């Protein structure tokens, strides 16, 4: 399968991209090179290769999720310059 100039123009139109004629010709050549490379990859024997869910095999990269005591509302608001009961009080920044 190869990409023609007409195909490249159609793809550019779908992508809402504008290219000059030289750019379209280069893009057509580039797309054909990509397809040639993919054809070479299709020649590889992958029958003994297990499918991957992720290209990098990392097992449990995160720490265990252990619940711990959190900061109380009183302690969390203790250094606040302005508070309203159990909430931080901040100046209004959006005008109506």
N, C-alpha and C. Protein backbone atom coordinates (compact mmCIF):
# COMPACT_ATOMS: atom_id res chain seq x y z
N UNK A 1 0.85 -1.18 0.00
CA UNK A 1 0.00 0.00 0.00
C UNK A 1 0.88 1.23 0.00
N UNK A 2 0.56 2.19 -0.83
CA UNK A 2 1.32 3.44 -0.83
C UNK A 2 0.34 4.61 -0.79
N UNK A 3 0.84 5.73 -0.35
CA UNK A 3 0.04 6.93 -0.22
C UNK A 3 0.28 7.80 -1.45
N UNK A 4 -0.79 8.27 -2.05
CA UNK A 4 -0.67 9.15 -3.20
C UNK A 4 -0.80 10.60 -2.76
N UNK A 5 -0.50 11.52 -3.68
CA UNK A 5 -0.64 12.94 -3.38
C UNK A 5 -2.09 13.27 -3.05
N UNK A 6 -3.02 12.60 -3.72
CA UNK A 6 -4.45 12.81 -3.45
C UNK A 6 -4.78 12.39 -2.02
N UNK A 7 -4.22 11.26 -1.57
CA UNK A 7 -4.45 10.80 -0.19
C UNK A 7 -3.91 11.81 0.82
N UNK A 8 -2.72 12.34 0.54
CA UNK A 8 -2.11 13.31 1.45
C UNK A 8 -2.95 14.57 1.54
N UNK A 9 -3.47 15.03 0.40
CA UNK A 9 -4.33 16.21 0.40
C UNK A 9 -5.59 15.95 1.22
N UNK A 10 -6.15 14.74 1.08
CA UNK A 10 -7.35 14.38 1.83
C UNK A 10 -7.07 14.34 3.33
N UNK A 11 -5.95 13.75 3.71
CA UNK A 11 -5.58 13.69 5.13
C UNK A 11 -5.38 15.10 5.68
N UNK A 12 -4.72 15.96 4.91
CA UNK A 12 -4.50 17.34 5.34
C UNK A 12 -5.83 18.07 5.50
N UNK A 13 -6.76 17.81 4.59
CA UNK A 13 -8.08 18.44 4.68
C UNK A 13 -8.82 17.97 5.92
N UNK A 14 -8.77 16.66 6.20
CA UNK A 14 -9.42 16.14 7.41
C UNK A 14 -8.81 16.74 8.67
N UNK A 15 -7.49 16.98 8.62
CA UNK A 15 -6.79 17.53 9.78
C UNK A 15 -6.88 19.05 9.85
N UNK A 16 -7.52 19.64 8.83
CA UNK A 16 -7.64 21.09 8.72
C UNK A 16 -6.27 21.76 8.72
N UNK A 17 -5.34 21.17 7.93
CA UNK A 17 -4.00 21.71 7.77
C UNK A 17 -3.81 22.15 6.33
N UNK A 18 -3.09 23.24 6.15
CA UNK A 18 -2.80 23.74 4.81
C UNK A 18 -1.31 23.58 4.53
N UNK A 19 -0.98 22.94 3.41
CA UNK A 19 0.40 22.74 3.01
C UNK A 19 0.59 23.26 1.60
N UNK A 20 1.80 23.73 1.31
CA UNK A 20 2.14 24.11 -0.06
C UNK A 20 2.39 22.83 -0.85
N UNK A 21 2.49 22.94 -2.17
CA UNK A 21 2.74 21.76 -3.02
C UNK A 21 4.03 21.05 -2.64
N UNK A 22 5.15 21.78 -2.44
CA UNK A 22 6.38 21.07 -2.03
C UNK A 22 6.22 20.35 -0.69
N UNK A 23 5.50 20.97 0.24
CA UNK A 23 5.26 20.33 1.54
C UNK A 23 4.40 19.08 1.38
N UNK A 24 3.39 19.14 0.53
CA UNK A 24 2.55 17.98 0.28
C UNK A 24 3.35 16.84 -0.34
N UNK A 25 4.24 17.17 -1.27
CA UNK A 25 5.09 16.13 -1.88
C UNK A 25 6.00 15.49 -0.85
N UNK A 26 6.60 16.33 0.03
CA UNK A 26 7.47 15.78 1.08
C UNK A 26 6.67 14.94 2.06
N UNK A 27 5.48 15.41 2.41
CA UNK A 27 4.62 14.67 3.34
C UNK A 27 4.25 13.32 2.75
N UNK A 28 3.96 13.28 1.45
CA UNK A 28 3.62 12.03 0.78
C UNK A 28 4.80 11.06 0.84
N UNK A 29 6.00 11.58 0.57
CA UNK A 29 7.20 10.74 0.65
C UNK A 29 7.42 10.22 2.06
N UNK A 30 7.23 11.10 3.05
CA UNK A 30 7.42 10.70 4.45
C UNK A 30 6.41 9.61 4.86
N UNK A 31 5.16 9.78 4.46
CA UNK A 31 4.15 8.78 4.80
C UNK A 31 4.47 7.44 4.15
N UNK A 32 4.96 7.47 2.92
CA UNK A 32 5.34 6.22 2.24
C UNK A 32 6.53 5.56 2.91
N UNK A 33 7.49 6.36 3.41
CA UNK A 33 8.62 5.79 4.16
C UNK A 33 8.14 5.11 5.44
N UNK A 34 7.19 5.73 6.12
CA UNK A 34 6.64 5.15 7.35
C UNK A 34 5.97 3.82 7.03
N UNK A 35 5.19 3.79 5.96
CA UNK A 35 4.50 2.54 5.59
C UNK A 35 5.49 1.45 5.18
N UNK A 36 6.58 1.84 4.53
CA UNK A 36 7.63 0.87 4.17
C UNK A 36 8.25 0.28 5.43
N UNK A 37 8.53 1.14 6.40
CA UNK A 37 9.11 0.67 7.65
C UNK A 37 8.14 -0.25 8.38
N UNK A 38 6.85 0.10 8.41
CA UNK A 38 5.87 -0.75 9.06
C UNK A 38 5.79 -2.10 8.36
N UNK A 39 5.96 -2.12 7.04
CA UNK A 39 5.99 -3.38 6.30
C UNK A 39 7.15 -4.25 6.74
N UNK A 40 8.31 -3.63 6.99
CA UNK A 40 9.46 -4.39 7.48
C UNK A 40 9.19 -4.95 8.87
N UNK A 41 8.53 -4.17 9.72
CA UNK A 41 8.20 -4.66 11.06
C UNK A 41 7.22 -5.82 11.00
N UNK A 42 6.31 -5.81 10.02
CA UNK A 42 5.35 -6.89 9.88
C UNK A 42 6.01 -8.21 9.47
N UNK A 43 7.24 -8.14 8.95
CA UNK A 43 7.95 -9.35 8.56
C UNK A 43 8.53 -10.10 9.76
N UNK A 44 8.62 -9.45 10.91
CA UNK A 44 9.20 -10.07 12.10
C UNK A 44 8.30 -11.16 12.65
N UNK A 45 8.92 -12.21 13.18
CA UNK A 45 8.18 -13.29 13.81
C UNK A 45 7.92 -12.91 15.27
N UNK A 46 6.69 -12.63 15.58
CA UNK A 46 6.33 -12.25 16.96
C UNK A 46 5.46 -13.31 17.62
N UNK A 47 5.50 -14.52 17.09
CA UNK A 47 4.63 -15.57 17.63
C UNK A 47 5.01 -15.97 19.06
N UNK A 48 6.26 -15.78 19.44
CA UNK A 48 6.69 -16.17 20.80
C UNK A 48 6.79 -14.97 21.75
N UNK A 49 6.30 -13.83 21.33
CA UNK A 49 6.36 -12.63 22.15
C UNK A 49 5.02 -12.44 22.85
N UNK A 50 5.06 -12.35 24.16
CA UNK A 50 3.84 -12.14 24.94
C UNK A 50 3.38 -10.69 24.81
N UNK A 51 2.09 -10.47 24.70
CA UNK A 51 1.59 -9.09 24.63
C UNK A 51 1.86 -8.34 25.93
N UNK A 52 2.10 -7.04 25.83
CA UNK A 52 2.36 -6.20 26.99
C UNK A 52 1.19 -5.25 27.23
N UNK A 53 0.92 -4.96 28.48
CA UNK A 53 -0.08 -3.95 28.77
C UNK A 53 0.57 -2.57 28.82
N UNK A 54 1.90 -2.53 28.93
CA UNK A 54 2.66 -1.28 28.99
C UNK A 54 4.04 -1.57 28.45
N UNK A 55 4.65 -0.64 27.69
CA UNK A 55 5.96 -0.92 27.12
C UNK A 55 7.08 -1.09 28.15
N UNK A 56 6.91 -0.52 29.33
CA UNK A 56 7.91 -0.66 30.38
C UNK A 56 7.32 -1.54 31.47
N UNK A 57 7.96 -2.65 31.74
CA UNK A 57 7.42 -3.58 32.74
C UNK A 57 7.85 -3.17 34.14
N UNK A 58 6.98 -2.48 34.83
CA UNK A 58 7.23 -2.05 36.20
C UNK A 58 6.17 -2.70 37.08
N UNK A 59 6.61 -3.33 38.14
CA UNK A 59 5.65 -3.95 39.04
C UNK A 59 5.60 -3.15 40.34
N UNK A 60 4.41 -2.69 40.67
CA UNK A 60 4.16 -1.99 41.92
C UNK A 60 5.19 -0.91 42.22
N UNK A 61 5.16 0.15 41.42
CA UNK A 61 6.10 1.25 41.60
C UNK A 61 5.69 2.19 42.73
N UNK A 62 4.53 1.96 43.32
CA UNK A 62 4.03 2.84 44.36
C UNK A 62 4.12 2.18 45.73
N UNK A 63 4.13 3.00 46.75
CA UNK A 63 4.18 2.48 48.12
C UNK A 63 2.81 1.92 48.50
N UNK A 64 2.78 1.14 49.55
CA UNK A 64 1.51 0.62 50.06
C UNK A 64 0.64 1.78 50.55
N UNK A 65 -0.64 1.68 50.33
CA UNK A 65 -1.58 2.70 50.76
C UNK A 65 -2.00 2.39 52.19
N UNK A 66 -1.34 3.06 53.14
CA UNK A 66 -1.59 2.81 54.56
C UNK A 66 -2.27 4.05 55.14
N UNK A 67 -3.47 3.92 55.67
CA UNK A 67 -4.14 5.09 56.25
C UNK A 67 -3.42 5.57 57.50
N UNK A 68 -3.26 6.88 57.61
CA UNK A 68 -2.62 7.49 58.77
C UNK A 68 -3.51 8.63 59.27
N UNK A 69 -3.28 9.05 60.49
CA UNK A 69 -4.02 10.15 61.09
C UNK A 69 -3.73 11.43 60.32
N UNK A 70 -4.77 12.18 59.95
CA UNK A 70 -4.55 13.43 59.22
C UNK A 70 -4.55 14.61 60.17
N UNK A 71 -4.23 15.78 59.65
CA UNK A 71 -4.18 17.00 60.46
C UNK A 71 -5.61 17.42 60.80
N UNK A 72 -5.81 17.82 62.03
CA UNK A 72 -7.15 18.26 62.44
C UNK A 72 -7.46 19.62 61.81
N UNK A 73 -8.74 19.94 61.72
CA UNK A 73 -9.15 21.23 61.15
C UNK A 73 -8.56 22.37 61.97
N UNK A 74 -8.57 22.24 63.30
CA UNK A 74 -8.04 23.29 64.17
C UNK A 74 -6.56 23.52 63.90
N UNK A 75 -5.78 22.43 63.79
CA UNK A 75 -4.34 22.57 63.52
C UNK A 75 -4.08 23.11 62.11
N UNK A 76 -4.89 22.69 61.15
CA UNK A 76 -4.72 23.15 59.79
C UNK A 76 -4.98 24.64 59.63
N UNK A 77 -5.92 25.15 60.39
CA UNK A 77 -6.27 26.57 60.31
C UNK A 77 -5.48 27.44 61.29
N UNK A 78 -4.64 26.84 62.11
CA UNK A 78 -3.97 27.59 63.18
C UNK A 78 -3.06 28.70 62.65
N UNK A 79 -2.42 28.56 61.51
CA UNK A 79 -1.53 29.59 60.99
C UNK A 79 -2.19 30.48 59.94
N UNK A 80 -3.47 30.29 59.71
CA UNK A 80 -4.18 31.07 58.69
C UNK A 80 -4.38 32.50 59.18
N UNK A 81 -4.07 33.51 58.34
CA UNK A 81 -4.30 34.89 58.77
C UNK A 81 -5.77 35.25 58.87
N UNK A 82 -6.61 34.52 58.12
CA UNK A 82 -8.04 34.81 58.13
C UNK A 82 -8.82 33.52 57.94
N UNK A 83 -9.74 33.26 58.84
CA UNK A 83 -10.52 32.03 58.74
C UNK A 83 -11.98 32.32 59.09
N UNK A 84 -12.86 31.44 58.59
CA UNK A 84 -14.29 31.57 58.83
C UNK A 84 -14.77 30.21 59.32
N UNK A 85 -14.90 30.05 60.60
CA UNK A 85 -15.26 28.79 61.25
C UNK A 85 -14.28 27.68 60.85
N UNK A 86 -14.70 26.77 59.96
CA UNK A 86 -13.85 25.64 59.58
C UNK A 86 -13.21 25.80 58.20
N UNK A 87 -13.15 27.03 57.67
CA UNK A 87 -12.65 27.25 56.31
C UNK A 87 -11.66 28.39 56.27
N UNK A 88 -10.76 28.37 55.27
CA UNK A 88 -9.88 29.50 55.01
C UNK A 88 -10.73 30.61 54.41
N UNK A 89 -10.46 31.84 54.80
CA UNK A 89 -11.16 32.99 54.24
C UNK A 89 -10.17 33.73 53.35
N UNK A 90 -10.53 33.89 52.07
CA UNK A 90 -9.64 34.56 51.11
C UNK A 90 -10.39 35.69 50.45
N UNK A 91 -9.68 36.71 49.96
CA UNK A 91 -10.36 37.82 49.31
C UNK A 91 -10.95 37.39 47.96
N UNK A 92 -12.03 38.03 47.58
CA UNK A 92 -12.68 37.75 46.31
C UNK A 92 -11.76 38.24 45.19
N UNK A 93 -11.53 37.40 44.17
CA UNK A 93 -10.63 37.78 43.09
C UNK A 93 -11.34 37.86 41.73
N UNK A 94 -12.58 37.46 41.66
CA UNK A 94 -13.33 37.51 40.41
C UNK A 94 -14.45 38.52 40.55
N UNK A 95 -14.43 39.53 39.68
CA UNK A 95 -15.49 40.55 39.72
C UNK A 95 -16.68 40.07 38.93
N UNK A 96 -17.88 40.52 39.35
CA UNK A 96 -19.09 40.10 38.63
C UNK A 96 -19.56 41.16 37.70
